[in-house]
Structures are given as C-alpha cells and as structure tokens.
Amino acid sequence: MREWNAESYHRVSDPQYEWGIPVLARLALHGDERVLDVGCGSGRLTERLLDRVPRGEVVAIDLSLNMLTTARAYLAPRFGKRVSFIQEIG
C-alpha cells in the first residue's frame, strides 16, 4: 500500500472537508453514540463528528498509518479517550 503524506493532506483537504460537512449535518445523532469513522484521514471531519457526539465516542479507522498518526496528534489532546484509532490492514 502506498502511504499518504498526511501533514500535507491535512493542509490541502479543503474540498473533502467541505463535501463532508453537509453529510455530517444530515446524521441524526443524539450525542451519546459510538460512531465509526472509516477513512478518517487526518481527522479534520472526525473533529466535527466528535463535536456532534459530546457524550459519545468515535473510532477513527484508516488504512494509512501516517493518516492515523496525524489524526491522533490533532484529536487526542482535545478529545482524549473519546476517540480511538485503528489501522485497517487491507
């Protein structure tokens, strides 16, 4: 598998981020769910998802270890144990 440059992706992923915001808005969430974010990338949309479940948690999954490392550095300081990270091996 080809690894991503996750730090670069985090800076230039505005199109994916903007596309995902309306998708997240359509989710009927109560705020205490456990949500899987498959293909979490660098965690930009995962952050918005965590904001939508303030009493819940998110499991962030990605194929790329680089993406997960960047997502963990971005999200863990703010969300702590409410977010966990799994590398899915294809």
N, C-alpha and C. Protein backbone atom coordinates (compact mmCIF):
# COMPACT_ATOMS: atom_id res chain seq x y z
N MET A 1 0.83 -1.18 0.00
CA MET A 1 0.00 0.00 0.00
C MET A 1 0.88 1.24 0.00
N ARG A 2 0.49 2.23 -0.75
CA ARG A 2 1.21 3.50 -0.79
C ARG A 2 0.77 4.36 0.38
N GLU A 3 1.73 4.87 1.14
CA GLU A 3 1.42 5.73 2.27
C GLU A 3 1.16 7.16 1.82
N TRP A 4 0.33 7.85 2.57
CA TRP A 4 0.00 9.24 2.32
C TRP A 4 0.96 10.16 3.05
N ASN A 5 1.13 11.36 2.52
CA ASN A 5 1.79 12.43 3.26
C ASN A 5 0.67 13.13 4.03
N ALA A 6 0.45 12.69 5.24
CA ALA A 6 -0.72 13.10 6.00
C ALA A 6 -0.68 14.58 6.39
N GLU A 7 0.49 15.09 6.71
CA GLU A 7 0.57 16.51 7.09
C GLU A 7 0.21 17.40 5.91
N SER A 8 0.67 17.04 4.73
CA SER A 8 0.32 17.80 3.53
C SER A 8 -1.18 17.67 3.24
N TYR A 9 -1.70 16.46 3.33
CA TYR A 9 -3.13 16.23 3.09
C TYR A 9 -3.97 17.07 4.06
N HIS A 10 -3.56 17.14 5.30
CA HIS A 10 -4.30 17.90 6.31
C HIS A 10 -4.43 19.38 5.89
N ARG A 11 -3.39 19.90 5.26
CA ARG A 11 -3.40 21.31 4.83
C ARG A 11 -4.20 21.54 3.55
N VAL A 12 -4.30 20.56 2.67
CA VAL A 12 -4.91 20.78 1.35
C VAL A 12 -6.23 20.05 1.14
N SER A 13 -6.80 19.51 2.21
CA SER A 13 -8.01 18.67 2.06
C SER A 13 -9.31 19.47 2.15
N ASP A 14 -9.27 20.75 1.86
CA ASP A 14 -10.49 21.56 1.93
C ASP A 14 -11.64 21.01 1.09
N PRO A 15 -11.41 20.54 -0.15
CA PRO A 15 -12.55 20.00 -0.93
C PRO A 15 -13.24 18.83 -0.23
N GLN A 16 -12.47 17.90 0.31
CA GLN A 16 -13.06 16.75 1.01
C GLN A 16 -13.78 17.21 2.28
N TYR A 17 -13.17 18.14 2.97
CA TYR A 17 -13.77 18.67 4.21
C TYR A 17 -15.10 19.36 3.90
N GLU A 18 -15.11 20.22 2.91
CA GLU A 18 -16.33 20.94 2.55
C GLU A 18 -17.42 20.00 2.05
N TRP A 19 -17.04 18.95 1.37
CA TRP A 19 -18.02 17.95 0.92
C TRP A 19 -18.61 17.19 2.11
N GLY A 20 -17.78 16.93 3.12
CA GLY A 20 -18.23 16.14 4.25
C GLY A 20 -19.12 16.87 5.24
N ILE A 21 -19.00 18.18 5.34
CA ILE A 21 -19.79 18.95 6.31
C ILE A 21 -21.30 18.74 6.12
N PRO A 22 -21.85 18.85 4.90
CA PRO A 22 -23.29 18.60 4.74
C PRO A 22 -23.69 17.16 5.03
N VAL A 23 -22.78 16.23 4.78
CA VAL A 23 -23.06 14.82 5.08
C VAL A 23 -23.20 14.65 6.59
N LEU A 24 -22.28 15.23 7.36
CA LEU A 24 -22.37 15.16 8.82
C LEU A 24 -23.64 15.82 9.33
N ALA A 25 -24.04 16.91 8.71
CA ALA A 25 -25.24 17.64 9.15
C ALA A 25 -26.50 16.79 8.99
N ARG A 26 -26.49 15.86 8.05
CA ARG A 26 -27.67 15.01 7.83
C ARG A 26 -27.78 13.85 8.81
N LEU A 27 -26.73 13.59 9.56
CA LEU A 27 -26.77 12.48 10.51
C LEU A 27 -27.67 12.82 11.70
N ALA A 28 -28.59 11.93 12.00
CA ALA A 28 -29.48 12.11 13.14
C ALA A 28 -28.79 11.54 14.38
N LEU A 29 -28.06 12.38 15.07
CA LEU A 29 -27.30 11.94 16.24
C LEU A 29 -27.91 12.53 17.51
N HIS A 30 -27.87 11.75 18.59
CA HIS A 30 -28.38 12.20 19.88
C HIS A 30 -27.26 12.75 20.77
N GLY A 31 -26.02 12.45 20.44
CA GLY A 31 -24.90 12.97 21.19
C GLY A 31 -24.19 11.98 22.08
N ASP A 32 -24.75 10.75 22.17
CA ASP A 32 -24.12 9.76 23.05
C ASP A 32 -23.75 8.48 22.30
N GLU A 33 -23.70 8.55 20.99
CA GLU A 33 -23.43 7.37 20.18
C GLU A 33 -21.94 7.02 20.15
N ARG A 34 -21.68 5.80 19.73
CA ARG A 34 -20.33 5.36 19.37
C ARG A 34 -20.34 5.26 17.85
N VAL A 35 -19.49 6.06 17.21
CA VAL A 35 -19.53 6.21 15.76
C VAL A 35 -18.22 5.72 15.16
N LEU A 36 -18.31 4.99 14.06
CA LEU A 36 -17.13 4.59 13.30
C LEU A 36 -16.90 5.61 12.20
N ASP A 37 -15.69 6.11 12.10
CA ASP A 37 -15.30 7.00 11.02
C ASP A 37 -14.29 6.25 10.17
N VAL A 38 -14.80 5.59 9.13
CA VAL A 38 -13.97 4.76 8.27
C VAL A 38 -13.37 5.63 7.18
N GLY A 39 -12.06 5.64 7.11
CA GLY A 39 -11.37 6.53 6.19
C GLY A 39 -11.23 7.91 6.81
N CYS A 40 -10.83 7.95 8.06
CA CYS A 40 -10.81 9.20 8.83
C CYS A 40 -9.78 10.20 8.35
N GLY A 41 -8.82 9.75 7.57
CA GLY A 41 -7.79 10.66 7.08
C GLY A 41 -7.05 11.33 8.23
N SER A 42 -6.80 12.61 8.08
CA SER A 42 -6.02 13.34 9.08
C SER A 42 -6.86 13.85 10.24
N GLY A 43 -8.16 13.58 10.23
CA GLY A 43 -9.01 13.87 11.38
C GLY A 43 -9.81 15.17 11.34
N ARG A 44 -9.78 15.89 10.23
CA ARG A 44 -10.50 17.16 10.19
C ARG A 44 -12.00 16.97 10.35
N LEU A 45 -12.59 16.04 9.60
CA LEU A 45 -14.03 15.77 9.75
C LEU A 45 -14.32 14.98 11.02
N THR A 46 -13.38 14.18 11.44
CA THR A 46 -13.54 13.44 12.69
C THR A 46 -13.74 14.41 13.85
N GLU A 47 -13.04 15.51 13.81
CA GLU A 47 -13.20 16.54 14.84
C GLU A 47 -14.64 17.04 14.87
N ARG A 48 -15.21 17.31 13.73
CA ARG A 48 -16.60 17.78 13.67
C ARG A 48 -17.55 16.70 14.15
N LEU A 49 -17.25 15.45 13.84
CA LEU A 49 -18.07 14.33 14.30
C LEU A 49 -18.02 14.22 15.82
N LEU A 50 -16.85 14.37 16.40
CA LEU A 50 -16.72 14.35 17.86
C LEU A 50 -17.49 15.49 18.51
N ASP A 51 -17.52 16.63 17.87
CA ASP A 51 -18.32 17.75 18.39
C ASP A 51 -19.81 17.40 18.40
N ARG A 52 -20.25 16.56 17.45
CA ARG A 52 -21.67 16.17 17.35
C ARG A 52 -22.06 15.12 18.39
N VAL A 53 -21.07 14.43 18.97
CA VAL A 53 -21.37 13.40 19.98
C VAL A 53 -20.61 13.73 21.27
N PRO A 54 -21.00 14.79 21.96
CA PRO A 54 -20.24 15.24 23.13
C PRO A 54 -20.23 14.25 24.30
N ARG A 55 -21.19 13.34 24.33
CA ARG A 55 -21.23 12.31 25.38
C ARG A 55 -20.90 10.93 24.80
N GLY A 56 -20.49 10.91 23.56
CA GLY A 56 -20.19 9.66 22.87
C GLY A 56 -18.71 9.52 22.56
N GLU A 57 -18.44 8.66 21.61
CA GLU A 57 -17.06 8.44 21.20
C GLU A 57 -17.01 8.11 19.72
N VAL A 58 -15.82 8.26 19.15
CA VAL A 58 -15.60 7.97 17.74
C VAL A 58 -14.41 7.02 17.62
N VAL A 59 -14.58 6.01 16.80
CA VAL A 59 -13.49 5.11 16.45
C VAL A 59 -13.03 5.52 15.05
N ALA A 60 -11.82 6.05 14.96
CA ALA A 60 -11.26 6.54 13.70
C ALA A 60 -10.45 5.42 13.05
N ILE A 61 -10.83 5.08 11.83
CA ILE A 61 -10.21 3.96 11.12
C ILE A 61 -9.63 4.47 9.81
N ASP A 62 -8.43 4.03 9.47
CA ASP A 62 -7.84 4.36 8.18
C ASP A 62 -6.84 3.29 7.80
N LEU A 63 -6.58 3.16 6.50
CA LEU A 63 -5.56 2.24 6.02
C LEU A 63 -4.16 2.78 6.26
N SER A 64 -4.04 4.09 6.25
CA SER A 64 -2.74 4.75 6.31
C SER A 64 -2.30 5.02 7.74
N LEU A 65 -1.16 4.48 8.11
CA LEU A 65 -0.59 4.74 9.42
C LEU A 65 -0.24 6.22 9.56
N ASN A 66 0.26 6.83 8.49
CA ASN A 66 0.58 8.26 8.52
C ASN A 66 -0.66 9.10 8.83
N MET A 67 -1.78 8.76 8.21
CA MET A 67 -3.02 9.50 8.47
C MET A 67 -3.44 9.34 9.94
N LEU A 68 -3.36 8.13 10.44
CA LEU A 68 -3.75 7.89 11.84
C LEU A 68 -2.83 8.60 12.82
N THR A 69 -1.56 8.64 12.52
CA THR A 69 -0.62 9.34 13.39
C THR A 69 -0.94 10.83 13.44
N THR A 70 -1.23 11.41 12.28
CA THR A 70 -1.59 12.82 12.22
C THR A 70 -2.93 13.07 12.91
N ALA A 71 -3.91 12.19 12.66
CA ALA A 71 -5.22 12.34 13.31
C ALA A 71 -5.09 12.25 14.82
N ARG A 72 -4.29 11.33 15.31
CA ARG A 72 -4.10 11.18 16.76
C ARG A 72 -3.48 12.45 17.35
N ALA A 73 -2.46 12.99 16.69
CA ALA A 73 -1.81 14.21 17.18
C ALA A 73 -2.78 15.39 17.16
N TYR A 74 -3.67 15.42 16.20
CA TYR A 74 -4.63 16.50 16.04
C TYR A 74 -5.80 16.39 17.03
N LEU A 75 -6.28 15.17 17.28
CA LEU A 75 -7.52 14.98 18.03
C LEU A 75 -7.33 14.60 19.50
N ALA A 76 -6.35 13.78 19.80
CA ALA A 76 -6.21 13.26 21.16
C ALA A 76 -6.05 14.34 22.23
N PRO A 77 -5.30 15.41 21.98
CA PRO A 77 -5.17 16.43 23.04
C PRO A 77 -6.52 17.04 23.45
N ARG A 78 -7.42 17.19 22.51
CA ARG A 78 -8.72 17.80 22.81
C ARG A 78 -9.76 16.78 23.28
N PHE A 79 -9.76 15.60 22.69
CA PHE A 79 -10.85 14.65 22.92
C PHE A 79 -10.46 13.45 23.78
N GLY A 80 -9.19 13.26 24.03
CA GLY A 80 -8.74 12.19 24.92
C GLY A 80 -9.27 10.83 24.56
N LYS A 81 -9.85 10.15 25.55
CA LYS A 81 -10.32 8.77 25.39
C LYS A 81 -11.63 8.68 24.60
N ARG A 82 -12.21 9.82 24.22
CA ARG A 82 -13.43 9.77 23.42
C ARG A 82 -13.16 9.42 21.97
N VAL A 83 -11.89 9.35 21.60
CA VAL A 83 -11.52 8.96 20.24
C VAL A 83 -10.44 7.89 20.31
N SER A 84 -10.63 6.83 19.53
CA SER A 84 -9.63 5.78 19.43
C SER A 84 -9.29 5.59 17.95
N PHE A 85 -8.16 4.94 17.69
CA PHE A 85 -7.63 4.87 16.34
C PHE A 85 -7.28 3.42 16.00
N ILE A 86 -7.68 2.99 14.80
CA ILE A 86 -7.42 1.64 14.34
C ILE A 86 -6.92 1.70 12.92
N GLN A 87 -5.80 1.00 12.66
CA GLN A 87 -5.33 0.87 11.28
C GLN A 87 -5.93 -0.39 10.69
N GLU A 88 -6.72 -0.22 9.67
CA GLU A 88 -7.32 -1.36 8.97
C GLU A 88 -6.33 -1.81 7.92
N ILE A 89 -5.94 -3.03 7.99
CA ILE A 89 -5.00 -3.59 7.02
C ILE A 89 -5.81 -4.24 5.92
N GLY A 90 -5.66 -3.71 4.70
CA GLY A 90 -6.41 -4.18 3.54
C GLY A 90 -6.01 -5.52 3.14
